[in-house]
Amino acid sequence: MSVAPAPSQGLGTVAEAPAVVAAPAPSDDFLRLIPHEFARRHLVISAGTVRTPVGDEEQLLCAGGASPSAIHNIGVRLGRPVSCTPAPGEAIAALIDRAYAARNGRERDDDSADGDAPSADIDVQLPPDAEEDLKAVLRSADADLLNTSGKAPVIRLVDLFLFEALRQNASDVHIQPLGDKALVRYRLDGVLHTVRELPLSLVNAVTTRVKVMARLDVAERRAPQDGRRRRAW
């Protein structure tokens, strides 16, 4: 089948080819920009990048019935055309898990070499009345590429904010509590823009997660604190 490209981004086609099990190493761009869960959910993995007369093209291995919209999103995210070759779903799943595990191992080695050991993905406990609010917020973001299963909901939510901010080239992310809700605001070109609203019940969990990431004192809620965290996408 073929999928029409977006006006400014070529998408490519799913080739009528025999199933493939072995493949070249995925491109670094694919592993950096496409989350593990998204690749796993759609059973799509990079088979490297090739140069064509019109520029670079991402080669993909796709399970039968691959979603055209998922393929399109990958092409847009990578900023180049993609083409798919069919392969068995189980083989693709194994390739995906091995590729991302190897990349995560390299990142941990790099962090250790820099003297900046990664903080653990510590779960943040929610009050009972906040769990449904969090599920509702995550459901509203289900189509986003960053929606990563296997992580705790609060971790996924904070990752979503950071990913969106990076994608929009924001310089700041602000969580602003109000009387009955909280605003998530990104600073774009010096101006704060409200991008999401959160129930107040989630504010403490979100701020605690940020403190954990930056290795701050989670018990300190009055004095300002300064921390940092490197995050690879």
C-alpha atoms as a PDB file:
ATOM      1  CA  MET A   1       0.000   0.000   0.000  1.00  0.00           C
ATOM      2  CA  SER A   2       1.116   3.577  -0.415  1.00  0.00           C
ATOM      3  CA  VAL A   3       0.551   6.587   1.773  1.00  0.00           C
ATOM      4  CA  ALA A   4       0.501  10.110   0.442  1.00  0.00           C
ATOM      5  CA  PRO A   5       3.185  12.302   2.027  1.00  0.00           C
ATOM      6  CA  ALA A   6       2.451  15.491   3.886  1.00  0.00           C
ATOM      7  CA  PRO A   7       3.067  18.589   1.760  1.00  0.00           C
ATOM      8  CA  SER A   8       6.525  19.228   3.222  1.00  0.00           C
ATOM      9  CA  GLN A   9       7.466  15.726   4.387  1.00  0.00           C
ATOM     10  CA  GLY A  10       7.749  12.634   2.195  1.00  0.00           C
ATOM     11  CA  LEU A  11       6.335   9.537   3.784  1.00  0.00           C
ATOM     12  CA  GLY A  12       7.169   6.647   1.496  1.00  0.00           C
ATOM     13  CA  THR A  13       5.541   3.281   0.959  1.00  0.00           C
ATOM     14  CA  VAL A  14       5.187  -0.129   2.506  1.00  0.00           C
ATOM     15  CA  ALA A  15       7.058  -2.340   0.057  1.00  0.00           C
ATOM     16  CA  GLU A  16       5.687  -5.629  -1.195  1.00  0.00           C
ATOM     17  CA  ALA A  17       8.724  -7.640  -0.103  1.00  0.00           C
ATOM     18  CA  PRO A  18       9.338 -10.929   1.689  1.00  0.00           C
ATOM     19  CA  ALA A  19       9.458 -10.979   5.461  1.00  0.00           C
ATOM     20  CA  VAL A  20      12.778  -9.934   6.955  1.00  0.00           C
ATOM     21  CA  VAL A  21      14.161 -11.032  10.329  1.00  0.00           C
ATOM     22  CA  ALA A  22      17.723  -9.683  10.394  1.00  0.00           C
ATOM     23  CA  ALA A  23      18.306  -5.991   9.803  1.00  0.00           C
ATOM     24  CA  PRO A  24      21.022  -3.333   9.920  1.00  0.00           C
ATOM     25  CA  ALA A  25      21.341  -1.371  13.146  1.00  0.00           C
ATOM     26  CA  PRO A  26      18.619   1.263  13.666  1.00  0.00           C
ATOM     27  CA  SER A  27      19.614   4.849  13.083  1.00  0.00           C
ATOM     28  CA  ASP A  28      20.556   6.923  16.109  1.00  0.00           C
ATOM     29  CA  ASP A  29      17.911   9.493  15.143  1.00  0.00           C
ATOM     30  CA  PHE A  30      15.163   6.877  15.263  1.00  0.00           C
ATOM     31  CA  LEU A  31      16.164   5.617  18.718  1.00  0.00           C
ATOM     32  CA  ARG A  32      16.552   9.170  20.008  1.00  0.00           C
ATOM     33  CA  LEU A  33      13.342  10.648  18.613  1.00  0.00           C
ATOM     34  CA  ILE A  34      10.891   7.729  18.555  1.00  0.00           C
ATOM     35  CA  PRO A  35       9.980   6.392  22.017  1.00  0.00           C
ATOM     36  CA  HIS A  36      10.346   2.703  22.756  1.00  0.00           C
ATOM     37  CA  GLU A  37       6.655   2.230  23.563  1.00  0.00           C
ATOM     38  CA  PHE A  38       5.540   3.885  20.319  1.00  0.00           C
ATOM     39  CA  ALA A  39       7.787   1.604  18.267  1.00  0.00           C
ATOM     40  CA  ARG A  40       6.612  -1.428  20.259  1.00  0.00           C
ATOM     41  CA  ARG A  41       2.923  -0.550  19.986  1.00  0.00           C
ATOM     42  CA  HIS A  42       3.088  -0.127  16.219  1.00  0.00           C
ATOM     43  CA  LEU A  43       5.799  -2.780  15.662  1.00  0.00           C
ATOM     44  CA  VAL A  44       8.038  -0.510  13.624  1.00  0.00           C
ATOM     45  CA  ILE A  45      11.829  -0.281  13.880  1.00  0.00           C
ATOM     46  CA  SER A  46      14.485   1.494  11.860  1.00  0.00           C
ATOM     47  CA  ALA A  47      16.765  -0.543   9.607  1.00  0.00           C
ATOM     48  CA  GLY A  48      19.141   2.357   9.081  1.00  0.00           C
ATOM     49  CA  THR A  49      19.298   5.349   6.784  1.00  0.00           C
ATOM     50  CA  VAL A  50      20.185   5.250   3.091  1.00  0.00           C
ATOM     51  CA  ARG A  51      21.154   8.091   0.801  1.00  0.00           C
ATOM     52  CA  THR A  52      18.999   8.603  -2.276  1.00  0.00           C
ATOM     53  CA  PRO A  53      19.265  11.110  -5.126  1.00  0.00           C
ATOM     54  CA  VAL A  54      16.821  13.365  -3.273  1.00  0.00           C
ATOM     55  CA  GLY A  55      18.314  13.003   0.210  1.00  0.00           C
ATOM     56  CA  ASP A  56      18.406  10.617   3.158  1.00  0.00           C
ATOM     57  CA  GLU A  57      15.624   8.072   3.575  1.00  0.00           C
ATOM     58  CA  GLU A  58      14.817   6.090   6.703  1.00  0.00           C
ATOM     59  CA  GLN A  59      14.412   2.367   6.115  1.00  0.00           C
ATOM     60  CA  LEU A  60      11.824   0.774   8.414  1.00  0.00           C
ATOM     61  CA  LEU A  61      10.785  -2.762   9.228  1.00  0.00           C
ATOM     62  CA  CYS A  62       7.017  -2.904   9.737  1.00  0.00           C
ATOM     63  CA  ALA A  63       4.688  -5.669  10.868  1.00  0.00           C
ATOM     64  CA  GLY A  64       1.731  -6.513   8.671  1.00  0.00           C
ATOM     65  CA  GLY A  65      -1.059  -3.989   9.012  1.00  0.00           C
ATOM     66  CA  ALA A  66       1.245  -1.174  10.118  1.00  0.00           C
ATOM     67  CA  SER A  67      -0.698   2.008  10.773  1.00  0.00           C
ATOM     68  CA  PRO A  68      -0.243   4.576   7.968  1.00  0.00           C
ATOM     69  CA  SER A  69      -0.652   7.386  10.493  1.00  0.00           C
ATOM     70  CA  ALA A  70       2.093   5.923  12.691  1.00  0.00           C
ATOM     71  CA  ILE A  71       4.434   5.689   9.700  1.00  0.00           C
ATOM     72  CA  HIS A  72       3.543   9.252   8.745  1.00  0.00           C
ATOM     73  CA  ASN A  73       4.262  10.462  12.299  1.00  0.00           C
ATOM     74  CA  ILE A  74       7.672   8.780  12.221  1.00  0.00           C
ATOM     75  CA  GLY A  75       8.532  10.459   8.927  1.00  0.00           C
ATOM     76  CA  VAL A  76       7.460  13.848  10.249  1.00  0.00           C
ATOM     77  CA  ARG A  77       9.338  13.351  13.520  1.00  0.00           C
ATOM     78  CA  LEU A  78      12.540  12.313  11.737  1.00  0.00           C
ATOM     79  CA  GLY A  79      12.161  15.029   9.120  1.00  0.00           C
ATOM     80  CA  ARG A  80      12.793  12.731   6.164  1.00  0.00           C
ATOM     81  CA  PRO A  81      10.979  10.226   3.928  1.00  0.00           C
ATOM     82  CA  VAL A  82      10.570   6.674   5.187  1.00  0.00           C
ATOM     83  CA  SER A  83       9.938   3.361   3.478  1.00  0.00           C
ATOM     84  CA  CYS A  84       8.734   0.130   5.074  1.00  0.00           C
ATOM     85  CA  THR A  85       9.638  -3.496   4.466  1.00  0.00           C
ATOM     86  CA  PRO A  86       7.303  -6.131   5.975  1.00  0.00           C
ATOM     87  CA  ALA A  87       8.715  -8.412   8.663  1.00  0.00           C
ATOM     88  CA  PRO A  88       7.269 -10.809  11.258  1.00  0.00           C
ATOM     89  CA  GLY A  89       5.823  -9.023  14.276  1.00  0.00           C
ATOM     90  CA  GLU A  90       7.642 -11.171  16.846  1.00  0.00           C
ATOM     91  CA  ALA A  91      10.983 -10.573  15.157  1.00  0.00           C
ATOM     92  CA  ILE A  92      10.379  -6.827  15.052  1.00  0.00           C
ATOM     93  CA  ALA A  93       9.430  -6.770  18.755  1.00  0.00           C
ATOM     94  CA  ALA A  94      12.692  -8.534  19.628  1.00  0.00           C
ATOM     95  CA  LEU A  95      14.713  -6.112  17.474  1.00  0.00           C
ATOM     96  CA  ILE A  96      12.995  -3.145  19.124  1.00  0.00           C
ATOM     97  CA  ASP A  97      13.699  -4.341  22.657  1.00  0.00           C
ATOM     98  CA  ARG A  98      17.360  -5.130  21.903  1.00  0.00           C
ATOM     99  CA  ALA A  99      17.971  -1.794  20.174  1.00  0.00           C
ATOM    100  CA  TYR A 100      16.496   0.355  22.945  1.00  0.00           C
ATOM    101  CA  ALA A 101      18.131  -1.724  25.690  1.00  0.00           C
ATOM    102  CA  ALA A 102      21.514  -1.226  24.028  1.00  0.00           C
ATOM    103  CA  ARG A 103      20.917   2.504  23.685  1.00  0.00           C
ATOM    104  CA  ASN A 104      19.848   2.856  27.314  1.00  0.00           C
ATOM    105  CA  GLY A 105      22.986   1.020  28.360  1.00  0.00           C
ATOM    106  CA  ARG A 106      25.144   3.445  26.385  1.00  0.00           C
ATOM    107  CA  GLU A 107      23.364   6.418  27.978  1.00  0.00           C
ATOM    108  CA  ARG A 108      23.982   5.055  31.470  1.00  0.00           C
ATOM    109  CA  ASP A 109      27.660   4.600  30.635  1.00  0.00           C
ATOM    110  CA  ASP A 110      27.856   8.171  29.326  1.00  0.00           C
ATOM    111  CA  ASP A 111      26.170   9.574  32.441  1.00  0.00           C
ATOM    112  CA  SER A 112      28.560   7.658  34.691  1.00  0.00           C
ATOM    113  CA  ALA A 113      31.545   8.931  32.706  1.00  0.00           C
ATOM    114  CA  ASP A 114      30.281  12.492  33.165  1.00  0.00           C
ATOM    115  CA  GLY A 115      29.913  11.975  36.891  1.00  0.00           C
ATOM    116  CA  ASP A 116      26.174  12.549  36.598  1.00  0.00           C
ATOM    117  CA  ALA A 117      24.556   9.235  37.496  1.00  0.00           C
ATOM    118  CA  PRO A 118      20.945   9.038  36.334  1.00  0.00           C
ATOM    119  CA  SER A 119      18.257   9.223  38.975  1.00  0.00           C
ATOM    120  CA  ALA A 120      15.942   6.265  39.257  1.00  0.00           C
ATOM    121  CA  ASP A 121      12.401   6.464  37.920  1.00  0.00           C
ATOM    122  CA  ILE A 122      10.972   6.578  41.420  1.00  0.00           C
ATOM    123  CA  ASP A 123       7.218   6.375  41.495  1.00  0.00           C
ATOM    124  CA  VAL A 124       5.375   9.224  43.195  1.00  0.00           C
ATOM    125  CA  GLN A 125       2.493   8.205  45.412  1.00  0.00           C
ATOM    126  CA  LEU A 126      -0.822   9.869  44.628  1.00  0.00           C
ATOM    127  CA  PRO A 127      -3.700  10.568  46.967  1.00  0.00           C
ATOM    128  CA  PRO A 128      -6.708   8.369  46.105  1.00  0.00           C
ATOM    129  CA  ASP A 129      -8.768  11.264  44.730  1.00  0.00           C
ATOM    130  CA  ALA A 130      -5.999  12.215  42.277  1.00  0.00           C
ATOM    131  CA  GLU A 131      -5.687   8.890  40.477  1.00  0.00           C
ATOM    132  CA  GLU A 132      -8.730   9.396  38.251  1.00  0.00           C
ATOM    133  CA  ASP A 133      -7.622  12.960  37.434  1.00  0.00           C
ATOM    134  CA  LEU A 134      -4.233  11.652  36.323  1.00  0.00           C
ATOM    135  CA  LYS A 135      -5.775   8.908  34.183  1.00  0.00           C
ATOM    136  CA  ALA A 136      -7.983  11.478  32.470  1.00  0.00           C
ATOM    137  CA  VAL A 137      -5.033  13.759  31.660  1.00  0.00           C
ATOM    138  CA  LEU A 138      -3.024  10.860  30.256  1.00  0.00           C
ATOM    139  CA  ARG A 139      -5.960   9.652  28.172  1.00  0.00           C
ATOM    140  CA  SER A 140      -6.170  13.095  26.581  1.00  0.00           C
ATOM    141  CA  ALA A 141      -2.507  12.775  25.562  1.00  0.00           C
ATOM    142  CA  ASP A 142      -2.733   9.174  24.375  1.00  0.00           C
ATOM    143  CA  ALA A 143      -1.948  10.051  20.749  1.00  0.00           C
ATOM    144  CA  ASP A 144       1.316  11.734  21.651  1.00  0.00           C
ATOM    145  CA  LEU A 145       4.525   9.974  20.684  1.00  0.00           C
ATOM    146  CA  LEU A 146       5.814  10.224  24.220  1.00  0.00           C
ATOM    147  CA  ASN A 147       3.054   8.132  25.784  1.00  0.00           C
ATOM    148  CA  THR A 148       5.291   5.415  27.278  1.00  0.00           C
ATOM    149  CA  SER A 149       3.885   2.292  28.865  1.00  0.00           C
ATOM    150  CA  GLY A 150       5.916   0.598  31.556  1.00  0.00           C
ATOM    151  CA  LYS A 151       6.440   3.860  33.415  1.00  0.00           C
ATOM    152  CA  ALA A 152       4.395   5.144  36.323  1.00  0.00           C
ATOM    153  CA  PRO A 153       1.624   7.579  35.302  1.00  0.00           C
ATOM    154  CA  VAL A 154       3.182  10.639  36.977  1.00  0.00           C
ATOM    155  CA  ILE A 155       6.523   9.928  35.276  1.00  0.00           C
ATOM    156  CA  ARG A 156       4.762   9.680  31.928  1.00  0.00           C
ATOM    157  CA  LEU A 157       2.954  12.964  32.553  1.00  0.00           C
ATOM    158  CA  VAL A 158       6.103  14.923  33.442  1.00  0.00           C
ATOM    159  CA  ASP A 159       7.943  13.377  30.484  1.00  0.00           C
ATOM    160  CA  LEU A 160       5.082  14.534  28.275  1.00  0.00           C
ATOM    161  CA  PHE A 161       5.441  18.140  29.473  1.00  0.00           C
ATOM    162  CA  LEU A 162       9.206  18.110  28.894  1.00  0.00           C
ATOM    163  CA  PHE A 163       8.875  16.501  25.474  1.00  0.00           C
ATOM    164  CA  GLU A 164       6.262  19.012  24.345  1.00  0.00           C
ATOM    165  CA  ALA A 165       8.383  21.900  25.615  1.00  0.00           C
ATOM    166  CA  LEU A 166      11.462  20.674  23.748  1.00  0.00           C
ATOM    167  CA  ARG A 167       9.459  20.074  20.584  1.00  0.00           C
ATOM    168  CA  GLN A 168       8.147  23.654  20.703  1.00  0.00           C
ATOM    169  CA  ASN A 169      11.589  25.099  21.566  1.00  0.00           C
ATOM    170  CA  ALA A 170      10.305  26.459  24.867  1.00  0.00           C
ATOM    171  CA  SER A 171      12.832  27.998  27.247  1.00  0.00           C
ATOM    172  CA  ASP A 172      10.753  27.476  30.423  1.00  0.00           C
ATOM    173  CA  VAL A 173       8.026  25.223  31.747  1.00  0.00           C
ATOM    174  CA  HIS A 174       5.804  26.720  34.461  1.00  0.00           C
ATOM    175  CA  ILE A 175       3.294  24.897  36.660  1.00  0.00           C
ATOM    176  CA  GLN A 176       1.019  27.645  38.011  1.00  0.00           C
ATOM    177  CA  PRO A 177      -1.565  26.676  40.656  1.00  0.00           C
ATOM    178  CA  LEU A 178      -4.787  28.707  40.683  1.00  0.00           C
ATOM    179  CA  GLY A 179      -7.889  28.532  42.833  1.00  0.00           C
ATOM    180  CA  ASP A 180      -9.484  25.486  41.214  1.00  0.00           C
ATOM    181  CA  LYS A 181      -6.881  24.192  38.760  1.00  0.00           C
ATOM    182  CA  ALA A 182      -3.246  24.485  37.688  1.00  0.00           C
ATOM    183  CA  LEU A 183      -1.906  25.810  34.401  1.00  0.00           C
ATOM    184  CA  VAL A 184       0.988  24.273  32.491  1.00  0.00           C
ATOM    185  CA  ARG A 185       2.665  27.124  30.635  1.00  0.00           C
ATOM    186  CA  TYR A 186       5.606  27.173  28.212  1.00  0.00           C
ATOM    187  CA  ARG A 187       7.695  30.255  27.547  1.00  0.00           C
ATOM    188  CA  LEU A 188       7.974  30.675  23.763  1.00  0.00           C
ATOM    189  CA  ASP A 189       9.943  33.630  22.384  1.00  0.00           C
ATOM    190  CA  GLY A 190       9.795  35.290  25.776  1.00  0.00           C
ATOM    191  CA  VAL A 191       6.020  34.949  26.193  1.00  0.00           C
ATOM    192  CA  LEU A 192       4.234  32.457  28.461  1.00  0.00           C
ATOM    193  CA  HIS A 193       1.580  30.372  26.707  1.00  0.00           C
ATOM    194  CA  THR A 194      -0.914  28.152  28.526  1.00  0.00           C
ATOM    195  CA  VAL A 195      -0.819  24.708  26.886  1.00  0.00           C
ATOM    196  CA  ARG A 196      -2.615  22.480  29.396  1.00  0.00           C
ATOM    197  CA  GLU A 197      -4.768  22.600  32.494  1.00  0.00           C
ATOM    198  CA  LEU A 198      -4.315  20.199  35.393  1.00  0.00           C
ATOM    199  CA  PRO A 199      -6.557  19.370  38.349  1.00  0.00           C
ATOM    200  CA  LEU A 200      -5.101  20.772  41.562  1.00  0.00           C
ATOM    201  CA  SER A 201      -4.938  17.236  42.922  1.00  0.00           C
ATOM    202  CA  LEU A 202      -1.988  16.506  40.597  1.00  0.00           C
ATOM    203  CA  VAL A 203       0.208  19.501  41.399  1.00  0.00           C
ATOM    204  CA  ASN A 204       2.038  17.982  44.372  1.00  0.00           C
ATOM    205  CA  ALA A 205       2.729  14.749  42.506  1.00  0.00           C
ATOM    206  CA  VAL A 206       4.072  16.604  39.468  1.00  0.00           C
ATOM    207  CA  THR A 207       6.332  18.893  41.497  1.00  0.00           C
ATOM    208  CA  THR A 208       7.587  15.952  43.554  1.00  0.00           C
ATOM    209  CA  ARG A 209       8.496  14.084  40.362  1.00  0.00           C
ATOM    210  CA  VAL A 210      10.449  17.114  39.100  1.00  0.00           C
ATOM    211  CA  LYS A 211      12.297  17.297  42.423  1.00  0.00           C
ATOM    212  CA  VAL A 212      13.188  13.617  42.200  1.00  0.00           C
ATOM    213  CA  MET A 213      14.533  14.090  38.673  1.00  0.00           C
ATOM    214  CA  ALA A 214      16.654  17.078  39.746  1.00  0.00           C
ATOM    215  CA  ARG A 215      17.808  15.418  43.001  1.00  0.00           C
ATOM    216  CA  LEU A 216      16.184  18.061  45.184  1.00  0.00           C
ATOM    217  CA  ASP A 217      14.784  17.720  48.684  1.00  0.00           C
ATOM    218  CA  VAL A 218      11.201  16.563  48.126  1.00  0.00           C
ATOM    219  CA  ALA A 219      10.258  17.522  51.685  1.00  0.00           C
ATOM    220  CA  GLU A 220      11.294  21.169  51.266  1.00  0.00           C
ATOM    221  CA  ARG A 221       8.312  23.233  50.062  1.00  0.00           C
ATOM    222  CA  ARG A 222       9.160  26.744  51.187  1.00  0.00           C
ATOM    223  CA  ALA A 223      12.778  27.574  50.337  1.00  0.00           C
ATOM    224  CA  PRO A 224      13.815  27.781  46.655  1.00  0.00           C
ATOM    225  CA  GLN A 225      16.008  24.964  45.384  1.00  0.00           C
ATOM    226  CA  ASP A 226      18.279  24.607  42.394  1.00  0.00           C
ATOM    227  CA  GLY A 227      18.949  21.340  40.604  1.00  0.00           C
ATOM    228  CA  ARG A 228      19.479  19.869  37.176  1.00  0.00           C
ATOM    229  CA  ARG A 229      18.820  16.713  35.184  1.00  0.00           C
ATOM    230  CA  ARG A 230      20.000  15.667  31.754  1.00  0.00           C
ATOM    231  CA  ARG A 231      17.345  13.861  29.749  1.00  0.00           C
ATOM    232  CA  ALA A 232      17.913  12.064  26.447  1.00  0.00           C
ATOM    233  CA  TRP A 233      14.942  11.814  24.084  1.00  0.00           C
END
